[in-house]
Amino acid sequence: MNNKIIKYVISDLLRNRTILFYTLVLLTLSLSIFLMEDNTDKGIASMLNLVLFVVPLVCIVFSSIYLYNSAEFIALLVSQPLKRQSIWLSIFMGLATAMTLAFFIGVGIPTFIFAYSLSGITLVIGGLLLSLIFVSIATWTAVRIRDKSKGIGLAIILWLYFALIFDAMLLFLLFQFADYPIEKMMIAVSMLNPIDISRILILLEIDLSAMMGYTGAIFRDFFGTHIGMLITVLVMLMWTALPLWFATRHFKKKDL
């Protein structure tokens, strides 16, 4: 990776008004939630929607727009004696650093001040990983589709799928096969959605799994073990690495 490209992308993004506004909104909402809630677990539960829906949406849409708007800059870099893989990974690192920094300032710092606990740490780590994952997915959509409007449209559709449609399909399956013991299979299915993985981990830490009944007990038995946590972390890292790998592979062959 090229450190000069990473530094340029980070400095460019840190001056971007959208990033500053995103950070400020996250910080304002986080402080408002924690100041209004006396119970830290209730505060973290209230933060769930912010972390699971708003953060992935902003990361995937903003990253896609930034990559399309930087097409001329990327073409200029490709004309230089630099490896394409190094260029693309450097741009990803710059984007990922800026988005995770914005999240950490907006959500991480207030959480550590008002709710420094295992559940609070899980919330912050989950949000940071989701930021990385959806920036990675954005790199794939941007490099695969040349047309800006179609690429951003695909990014929004993917967010809708992970945030809403996937859960609707999961509920349909649970309803259709309610008479069968499919709870353990749900663990494997949940791995197909990074937002679901983060939601389950956070809910388990704030003891809301009791509301999930037998399914919650199954999830706790798996995610509460060292092996389960290791598998979960590896799956989340794969969700970051695979879209980026496919994007980099396509970028190396792409005719700019």
C-alpha atoms as a PDB file:
ATOM      1  CA  MET A   1       0.000   0.000   0.000  1.00  0.00           C
ATOM      2  CA  ASN A   2       1.089   3.563  -0.694  1.00  0.00           C
ATOM      3  CA  ASN A   3       1.196   5.696   2.460  1.00  0.00           C
ATOM      4  CA  LYS A   4       1.044   8.965   0.497  1.00  0.00           C
ATOM      5  CA  ILE A   5      -2.264   7.949  -1.116  1.00  0.00           C
ATOM      6  CA  ILE A   6      -3.687   6.876   2.260  1.00  0.00           C
ATOM      7  CA  LYS A   7      -2.686  10.194   3.864  1.00  0.00           C
ATOM      8  CA  TYR A   8      -4.116  12.188   0.948  1.00  0.00           C
ATOM      9  CA  VAL A   9      -7.472  10.347   1.071  1.00  0.00           C
ATOM     10  CA  ILE A  10      -7.713  10.717   4.869  1.00  0.00           C
ATOM     11  CA  SER A  11      -6.854  14.442   4.802  1.00  0.00           C
ATOM     12  CA  ASP A  12      -9.305  14.993   1.928  1.00  0.00           C
ATOM     13  CA  LEU A  13     -12.089  13.190   3.790  1.00  0.00           C
ATOM     14  CA  LEU A  14     -11.434  14.894   7.131  1.00  0.00           C
ATOM     15  CA  ARG A  15     -12.038  18.224   5.379  1.00  0.00           C
ATOM     16  CA  ASN A  16     -15.235  16.907   3.819  1.00  0.00           C
ATOM     17  CA  ARG A  17     -18.343  18.582   5.254  1.00  0.00           C
ATOM     18  CA  THR A  18     -20.376  15.383   4.967  1.00  0.00           C
ATOM     19  CA  ILE A  19     -17.939  13.488   7.205  1.00  0.00           C
ATOM     20  CA  LEU A  20     -17.898  16.340   9.710  1.00  0.00           C
ATOM     21  CA  PHE A  21     -21.705  16.495   9.696  1.00  0.00           C
ATOM     22  CA  TYR A  22     -21.915  12.678  10.086  1.00  0.00           C
ATOM     23  CA  THR A  23     -19.565  12.793  13.079  1.00  0.00           C
ATOM     24  CA  LEU A  24     -21.465  15.670  14.670  1.00  0.00           C
ATOM     25  CA  VAL A  25     -24.858  13.946  14.213  1.00  0.00           C
ATOM     26  CA  LEU A  26     -23.555  10.705  15.733  1.00  0.00           C
ATOM     27  CA  LEU A  27     -22.024  12.604  18.652  1.00  0.00           C
ATOM     28  CA  THR A  28     -25.199  14.625  19.284  1.00  0.00           C
ATOM     29  CA  LEU A  29     -27.472  11.562  19.151  1.00  0.00           C
ATOM     30  CA  SER A  30     -25.137   9.484  21.342  1.00  0.00           C
ATOM     31  CA  LEU A  31     -24.872  12.168  24.018  1.00  0.00           C
ATOM     32  CA  SER A  32     -28.643  12.758  23.931  1.00  0.00           C
ATOM     33  CA  ILE A  33     -29.413   9.052  24.383  1.00  0.00           C
ATOM     34  CA  PHE A  34     -26.962   8.495  27.235  1.00  0.00           C
ATOM     35  CA  LEU A  35     -27.951  11.694  29.053  1.00  0.00           C
ATOM     36  CA  MET A  36     -31.646  10.798  28.882  1.00  0.00           C
ATOM     37  CA  GLU A  37     -31.192   7.173  30.015  1.00  0.00           C
ATOM     38  CA  ASP A  38     -30.281   6.413  33.630  1.00  0.00           C
ATOM     39  CA  ASN A  39     -29.607   2.744  32.874  1.00  0.00           C
ATOM     40  CA  THR A  40     -26.554   2.161  30.670  1.00  0.00           C
ATOM     41  CA  ASP A  41     -27.968  -1.063  29.170  1.00  0.00           C
ATOM     42  CA  LYS A  42     -31.114   0.820  28.118  1.00  0.00           C
ATOM     43  CA  GLY A  43     -28.889   3.463  26.564  1.00  0.00           C
ATOM     44  CA  ILE A  44     -26.984   0.830  24.603  1.00  0.00           C
ATOM     45  CA  ALA A  45     -30.262  -0.776  23.501  1.00  0.00           C
ATOM     46  CA  SER A  46     -31.404   2.648  22.267  1.00  0.00           C
ATOM     47  CA  MET A  47     -28.119   3.028  20.370  1.00  0.00           C
ATOM     48  CA  LEU A  48     -28.736  -0.229  18.489  1.00  0.00           C
ATOM     49  CA  ASN A  49     -30.769   1.316  15.660  1.00  0.00           C
ATOM     50  CA  LEU A  50     -28.156   4.022  15.200  1.00  0.00           C
ATOM     51  CA  VAL A  51     -25.311   1.502  14.933  1.00  0.00           C
ATOM     52  CA  LEU A  52     -27.150  -1.186  12.947  1.00  0.00           C
ATOM     53  CA  PHE A  53     -28.978   0.980  10.412  1.00  0.00           C
ATOM     54  CA  VAL A  54     -27.598   4.526  10.142  1.00  0.00           C
ATOM     55  CA  VAL A  55     -23.873   3.651  10.244  1.00  0.00           C
ATOM     56  CA  PRO A  56     -23.963   0.983   7.469  1.00  0.00           C
ATOM     57  CA  LEU A  57     -26.167   3.222   5.273  1.00  0.00           C
ATOM     58  CA  VAL A  58     -23.878   6.241   5.538  1.00  0.00           C
ATOM     59  CA  CYS A  59     -20.731   4.139   5.061  1.00  0.00           C
ATOM     60  CA  ILE A  60     -21.900   2.366   1.908  1.00  0.00           C
ATOM     61  CA  VAL A  61     -23.572   5.375   0.240  1.00  0.00           C
ATOM     62  CA  PHE A  62     -20.907   7.961   1.093  1.00  0.00           C
ATOM     63  CA  SER A  63     -18.034   5.629   0.122  1.00  0.00           C
ATOM     64  CA  SER A  64     -19.715   4.829  -3.211  1.00  0.00           C
ATOM     65  CA  ILE A  65     -20.251   8.535  -4.000  1.00  0.00           C
ATOM     66  CA  TYR A  66     -16.666   9.376  -3.004  1.00  0.00           C
ATOM     67  CA  LEU A  67     -15.222   6.648  -5.252  1.00  0.00           C
ATOM     68  CA  TYR A  68     -17.301   7.752  -8.247  1.00  0.00           C
ATOM     69  CA  ASN A  69     -16.375  11.403  -7.692  1.00  0.00           C
ATOM     70  CA  SER A  70     -12.694  10.411  -7.455  1.00  0.00           C
ATOM     71  CA  ALA A  71     -12.701   8.644 -10.844  1.00  0.00           C
ATOM     72  CA  GLU A  72     -10.352  11.204 -12.445  1.00  0.00           C
ATOM     73  CA  PHE A  73      -7.979  11.089  -9.458  1.00  0.00           C
ATOM     74  CA  ILE A  74      -7.928   7.277  -9.596  1.00  0.00           C
ATOM     75  CA  ALA A  75      -7.280   7.347 -13.364  1.00  0.00           C
ATOM     76  CA  LEU A  76      -4.358   9.740 -12.736  1.00  0.00           C
ATOM     77  CA  LEU A  77      -2.902   7.365 -10.134  1.00  0.00           C
ATOM     78  CA  VAL A  78      -3.230   4.414 -12.535  1.00  0.00           C
ATOM     79  CA  SER A  79      -1.206   6.336 -15.140  1.00  0.00           C
ATOM     80  CA  GLN A  80       1.676   6.524 -12.639  1.00  0.00           C
ATOM     81  CA  PRO A  81       4.173   3.674 -12.107  1.00  0.00           C
ATOM     82  CA  LEU A  82       2.127   2.245  -9.245  1.00  0.00           C
ATOM     83  CA  LYS A  83       0.579  -1.180  -8.840  1.00  0.00           C
ATOM     84  CA  ARG A  84      -3.187  -1.120  -9.230  1.00  0.00           C
ATOM     85  CA  GLN A  85      -3.601  -3.362  -6.198  1.00  0.00           C
ATOM     86  CA  SER A  86      -1.601  -0.897  -4.087  1.00  0.00           C
ATOM     87  CA  ILE A  87      -3.713   2.025  -5.355  1.00  0.00           C
ATOM     88  CA  TRP A  88      -7.057   0.393  -4.593  1.00  0.00           C
ATOM     89  CA  LEU A  89      -6.043  -0.923  -1.171  1.00  0.00           C
ATOM     90  CA  SER A  90      -4.632   2.498  -0.241  1.00  0.00           C
ATOM     91  CA  ILE A  91      -7.891   4.219  -1.207  1.00  0.00           C
ATOM     92  CA  PHE A  92      -9.828   1.645   0.844  1.00  0.00           C
ATOM     93  CA  MET A  93      -7.553   2.192   3.843  1.00  0.00           C
ATOM     94  CA  GLY A  94      -8.040   5.957   3.610  1.00  0.00           C
ATOM     95  CA  LEU A  95     -11.839   5.620   3.382  1.00  0.00           C
ATOM     96  CA  ALA A  96     -12.001   3.001   6.136  1.00  0.00           C
ATOM     97  CA  THR A  97      -9.819   5.076   8.474  1.00  0.00           C
ATOM     98  CA  ALA A  98     -11.944   8.215   8.004  1.00  0.00           C
ATOM     99  CA  MET A  99     -15.277   6.390   8.468  1.00  0.00           C
ATOM    100  CA  THR A 100     -14.143   4.424  11.529  1.00  0.00           C
ATOM    101  CA  LEU A 101     -12.615   7.569  13.062  1.00  0.00           C
ATOM    102  CA  ALA A 102     -15.915   9.429  12.558  1.00  0.00           C
ATOM    103  CA  PHE A 103     -17.789   6.549  14.201  1.00  0.00           C
ATOM    104  CA  PHE A 104     -15.353   6.309  17.113  1.00  0.00           C
ATOM    105  CA  ILE A 105     -15.576  10.046  17.851  1.00  0.00           C
ATOM    106  CA  GLY A 106     -19.366  10.127  17.415  1.00  0.00           C
ATOM    107  CA  VAL A 107     -20.291   6.881  19.194  1.00  0.00           C
ATOM    108  CA  GLY A 108     -17.194   5.292  20.718  1.00  0.00           C
ATOM    109  CA  ILE A 109     -16.072   8.149  22.972  1.00  0.00           C
ATOM    110  CA  PRO A 110     -19.568   8.860  24.453  1.00  0.00           C
ATOM    111  CA  THR A 111     -20.088   5.114  24.983  1.00  0.00           C
ATOM    112  CA  PHE A 112     -16.788   4.741  26.832  1.00  0.00           C
ATOM    113  CA  ILE A 113     -17.606   7.790  28.987  1.00  0.00           C
ATOM    114  CA  PHE A 114     -21.191   6.867  29.904  1.00  0.00           C
ATOM    115  CA  ALA A 115     -21.333   3.071  29.409  1.00  0.00           C
ATOM    116  CA  TYR A 116     -17.853   1.617  29.791  1.00  0.00           C
ATOM    117  CA  SER A 117     -18.759  -2.051  30.109  1.00  0.00           C
ATOM    118  CA  LEU A 118     -18.563  -5.269  28.103  1.00  0.00           C
ATOM    119  CA  SER A 119     -21.840  -4.409  26.362  1.00  0.00           C
ATOM    120  CA  GLY A 120     -20.557  -0.909  25.552  1.00  0.00           C
ATOM    121  CA  ILE A 121     -17.291  -2.263  24.173  1.00  0.00           C
ATOM    122  CA  THR A 122     -19.227  -4.819  22.085  1.00  0.00           C
ATOM    123  CA  LEU A 123     -21.389  -2.006  20.670  1.00  0.00           C
ATOM    124  CA  VAL A 124     -18.343   0.029  19.638  1.00  0.00           C
ATOM    125  CA  ILE A 125     -16.471  -2.947  18.155  1.00  0.00           C
ATOM    126  CA  GLY A 126     -19.610  -4.009  16.269  1.00  0.00           C
ATOM    127  CA  GLY A 127     -20.009  -0.500  14.850  1.00  0.00           C
ATOM    128  CA  LEU A 128     -16.362  -0.280  13.821  1.00  0.00           C
ATOM    129  CA  LEU A 129     -16.541  -3.654  12.050  1.00  0.00           C
ATOM    130  CA  LEU A 130     -19.796  -2.683  10.294  1.00  0.00           C
ATOM    131  CA  SER A 131     -18.120   0.527   9.110  1.00  0.00           C
ATOM    132  CA  LEU A 132     -15.246  -1.472   7.619  1.00  0.00           C
ATOM    133  CA  ILE A 133     -17.582  -4.044   6.054  1.00  0.00           C
ATOM    134  CA  PHE A 134     -19.856  -1.541   4.327  1.00  0.00           C
ATOM    135  CA  VAL A 135     -16.936   0.548   3.063  1.00  0.00           C
ATOM    136  CA  SER A 136     -15.553  -2.709   1.635  1.00  0.00           C
ATOM    137  CA  ILE A 137     -18.900  -3.535  -0.026  1.00  0.00           C
ATOM    138  CA  ALA A 138     -18.966   0.016  -1.457  1.00  0.00           C
ATOM    139  CA  THR A 139     -15.577  -0.538  -3.113  1.00  0.00           C
ATOM    140  CA  TRP A 140     -17.009  -3.612  -4.831  1.00  0.00           C
ATOM    141  CA  THR A 141     -20.164  -1.878  -6.113  1.00  0.00           C
ATOM    142  CA  ALA A 142     -18.183   1.150  -7.324  1.00  0.00           C
ATOM    143  CA  VAL A 143     -15.635  -0.876  -9.265  1.00  0.00           C
ATOM    144  CA  ARG A 144     -18.158  -3.314 -10.744  1.00  0.00           C
ATOM    145  CA  ILE A 145     -20.606  -0.725 -12.104  1.00  0.00           C
ATOM    146  CA  ARG A 146     -19.318   2.176 -14.181  1.00  0.00           C
ATOM    147  CA  ASP A 147     -22.541   4.207 -14.121  1.00  0.00           C
ATOM    148  CA  LYS A 148     -22.708   6.356 -10.969  1.00  0.00           C
ATOM    149  CA  SER A 149     -26.508   6.314 -10.497  1.00  0.00           C
ATOM    150  CA  LYS A 150     -26.714   2.537 -10.971  1.00  0.00           C
ATOM    151  CA  GLY A 151     -23.787   1.948  -8.618  1.00  0.00           C
ATOM    152  CA  ILE A 152     -25.247   4.090  -5.845  1.00  0.00           C
ATOM    153  CA  GLY A 153     -28.639   2.441  -6.452  1.00  0.00           C
ATOM    154  CA  LEU A 154     -27.061  -1.006  -6.009  1.00  0.00           C
ATOM    155  CA  ALA A 155     -25.361   0.190  -2.796  1.00  0.00           C
ATOM    156  CA  ILE A 156     -28.725   1.289  -1.366  1.00  0.00           C
ATOM    157  CA  ILE A 157     -30.375  -1.984  -2.440  1.00  0.00           C
ATOM    158  CA  LEU A 158     -27.618  -3.981  -0.701  1.00  0.00           C
ATOM    159  CA  TRP A 159     -28.121  -1.942   2.467  1.00  0.00           C
ATOM    160  CA  LEU A 160     -31.882  -2.564   2.287  1.00  0.00           C
ATOM    161  CA  TYR A 161     -31.217  -6.276   1.864  1.00  0.00           C
ATOM    162  CA  PHE A 162     -28.916  -6.551   4.875  1.00  0.00           C
ATOM    163  CA  ALA A 163     -30.893  -4.159   7.102  1.00  0.00           C
ATOM    164  CA  LEU A 164     -34.508  -5.157   6.319  1.00  0.00           C
ATOM    165  CA  ILE A 165     -35.118  -7.768   3.598  1.00  0.00           C
ATOM    166  CA  PHE A 166     -32.846 -10.440   5.083  1.00  0.00           C
ATOM    167  CA  ASP A 167     -34.687 -10.318   8.426  1.00  0.00           C
ATOM    168  CA  ALA A 168     -38.052 -10.479   6.665  1.00  0.00           C
ATOM    169  CA  MET A 169     -36.923 -13.607   4.795  1.00  0.00           C
ATOM    170  CA  LEU A 170     -35.596 -15.083   8.043  1.00  0.00           C
ATOM    171  CA  LEU A 171     -38.907 -14.489   9.830  1.00  0.00           C
ATOM    172  CA  PHE A 172     -40.745 -16.100   6.903  1.00  0.00           C
ATOM    173  CA  LEU A 173     -38.540 -19.200   7.179  1.00  0.00           C
ATOM    174  CA  LEU A 174     -39.034 -19.369  10.944  1.00  0.00           C
ATOM    175  CA  PHE A 175     -42.793 -19.106  10.462  1.00  0.00           C
ATOM    176  CA  GLN A 176     -42.891 -21.759   7.743  1.00  0.00           C
ATOM    177  CA  PHE A 177     -40.745 -24.231   9.681  1.00  0.00           C
ATOM    178  CA  ALA A 178     -41.987 -23.394  13.181  1.00  0.00           C
ATOM    179  CA  ASP A 179     -42.696 -27.064  13.899  1.00  0.00           C
ATOM    180  CA  TYR A 180     -39.099 -28.093  13.223  1.00  0.00           C
ATOM    181  CA  PRO A 181     -36.013 -27.592  15.457  1.00  0.00           C
ATOM    182  CA  ILE A 182     -34.188 -25.134  13.195  1.00  0.00           C
ATOM    183  CA  GLU A 183     -32.771 -22.860  15.900  1.00  0.00           C
ATOM    184  CA  LYS A 184     -29.221 -24.201  15.466  1.00  0.00           C
ATOM    185  CA  MET A 185     -29.480 -23.729  11.714  1.00  0.00           C
ATOM    186  CA  MET A 186     -30.385 -20.079  12.389  1.00  0.00           C
ATOM    187  CA  ILE A 187     -26.893 -19.547  13.803  1.00  0.00           C
ATOM    188  CA  ALA A 188     -25.371 -20.519  10.437  1.00  0.00           C
ATOM    189  CA  VAL A 189     -27.936 -18.434   8.527  1.00  0.00           C
ATOM    190  CA  SER A 190     -27.280 -15.371  10.710  1.00  0.00           C
ATOM    191  CA  MET A 191     -23.620 -15.511   9.635  1.00  0.00           C
ATOM    192  CA  LEU A 192     -24.796 -14.495   6.147  1.00  0.00           C
ATOM    193  CA  ASN A 193     -25.634 -11.020   7.450  1.00  0.00           C
ATOM    194  CA  PRO A 194     -23.042  -8.890   9.316  1.00  0.00           C
ATOM    195  CA  ILE A 195     -25.774  -6.633  10.738  1.00  0.00           C
ATOM    196  CA  ASP A 196     -27.512  -9.658  12.281  1.00  0.00           C
ATOM    197  CA  ILE A 197     -24.253 -10.885  13.807  1.00  0.00           C
ATOM    198  CA  SER A 198     -23.659  -7.501  15.453  1.00  0.00           C
ATOM    199  CA  ARG A 199     -27.260  -7.313  16.673  1.00  0.00           C
ATOM    200  CA  ILE A 200     -27.117 -10.770  18.292  1.00  0.00           C
ATOM    201  CA  LEU A 201     -23.789 -10.079  20.027  1.00  0.00           C
ATOM    202  CA  ILE A 202     -25.004  -6.771  21.476  1.00  0.00           C
ATOM    203  CA  LEU A 203     -28.382  -8.185  22.572  1.00  0.00           C
ATOM    204  CA  LEU A 204     -26.643 -11.086  24.309  1.00  0.00           C
ATOM    205  CA  GLU A 205     -24.337  -8.717  26.221  1.00  0.00           C
ATOM    206  CA  ILE A 206     -27.237  -6.592  27.552  1.00  0.00           C
ATOM    207  CA  ASP A 207     -29.174  -9.724  28.584  1.00  0.00           C
ATOM    208  CA  LEU A 208     -32.040  -9.197  26.162  1.00  0.00           C
ATOM    209  CA  SER A 209     -31.529 -12.735  24.884  1.00  0.00           C
ATOM    210  CA  ALA A 210     -33.958 -13.883  27.594  1.00  0.00           C
ATOM    211  CA  MET A 211     -36.719 -12.278  25.539  1.00  0.00           C
ATOM    212  CA  MET A 212     -35.779 -14.550  22.630  1.00  0.00           C
ATOM    213  CA  GLY A 213     -36.673 -17.709  24.538  1.00  0.00           C
ATOM    214  CA  TYR A 214     -35.143 -21.013  23.460  1.00  0.00           C
ATOM    215  CA  THR A 215     -33.554 -19.404  20.392  1.00  0.00           C
ATOM    216  CA  GLY A 216     -31.812 -16.906  22.662  1.00  0.00           C
ATOM    217  CA  ALA A 217     -30.437 -19.757  24.765  1.00  0.00           C
ATOM    218  CA  ILE A 218     -29.080 -21.451  21.617  1.00  0.00           C
ATOM    219  CA  PHE A 219     -27.407 -18.205  20.517  1.00  0.00           C
ATOM    220  CA  ARG A 220     -25.927 -17.661  23.978  1.00  0.00           C
ATOM    221  CA  ASP A 221     -24.553 -21.223  24.077  1.00  0.00           C
ATOM    222  CA  PHE A 222     -22.756 -20.593  20.781  1.00  0.00           C
ATOM    223  CA  PHE A 223     -21.742 -16.920  20.868  1.00  0.00           C
ATOM    224  CA  GLY A 224     -20.924 -17.063  24.579  1.00  0.00           C
ATOM    225  CA  THR A 225     -18.094 -19.583  24.068  1.00  0.00           C
ATOM    226  CA  HIS A 226     -14.517 -18.753  23.085  1.00  0.00           C
ATOM    227  CA  ILE A 227     -14.807 -20.842  19.911  1.00  0.00           C
ATOM    228  CA  GLY A 228     -18.102 -19.172  19.013  1.00  0.00           C
ATOM    229  CA  MET A 229     -16.612 -15.703  19.498  1.00  0.00           C
ATOM    230  CA  LEU A 230     -13.540 -16.641  17.453  1.00  0.00           C
ATOM    231  CA  ILE A 231     -15.718 -17.934  14.601  1.00  0.00           C
ATOM    232  CA  THR A 232     -17.834 -14.761  14.778  1.00  0.00           C
ATOM    233  CA  VAL A 233     -14.799 -12.465  14.577  1.00  0.00           C
ATOM    234  CA  LEU A 234     -13.399 -14.484  11.650  1.00  0.00           C
ATOM    235  CA  VAL A 235     -16.743 -14.264   9.818  1.00  0.00           C
ATOM    236  CA  MET A 236     -16.875 -10.480  10.331  1.00  0.00           C
ATOM    237  CA  LEU A 237     -13.289 -10.152   9.037  1.00  0.00           C
ATOM    238  CA  MET A 238     -14.236 -12.286   6.024  1.00  0.00           C
ATOM    239  CA  TRP A 239     -17.166  -9.937   5.372  1.00  0.00           C
ATOM    240  CA  THR A 240     -14.563  -7.149   5.174  1.00  0.00           C
ATOM    241  CA  ALA A 241     -11.940  -9.040   3.196  1.00  0.00           C
ATOM    242  CA  LEU A 242     -14.022 -10.813   0.523  1.00  0.00           C
ATOM    243  CA  PRO A 243     -15.769  -7.785  -1.069  1.00  0.00           C
ATOM    244  CA  LEU A 244     -12.437  -5.915  -0.996  1.00  0.00           C
ATOM    245  CA  TRP A 245     -10.650  -8.873  -2.590  1.00  0.00           C
ATOM    246  CA  PHE A 246     -13.237  -9.134  -5.374  1.00  0.00           C
ATOM    247  CA  ALA A 247     -13.101  -5.350  -5.890  1.00  0.00           C
ATOM    248  CA  THR A 248      -9.285  -5.299  -6.056  1.00  0.00           C
ATOM    249  CA  ARG A 249      -9.232  -8.259  -8.422  1.00  0.00           C
ATOM    250  CA  HIS A 250     -11.694  -6.534 -10.778  1.00  0.00           C
ATOM    251  CA  PHE A 251      -9.900  -3.172 -10.528  1.00  0.00           C
ATOM    252  CA  LYS A 252      -6.606  -4.785 -11.636  1.00  0.00           C
ATOM    253  CA  LYS A 253      -8.288  -5.890 -14.892  1.00  0.00           C
ATOM    254  CA  LYS A 254     -10.626  -2.933 -15.399  1.00  0.00           C
ATOM    255  CA  ASP A 255     -10.225  -0.701 -18.425  1.00  0.00           C
ATOM    256  CA  LEU A 256     -10.345   2.860 -17.131  1.00  0.00           C
END
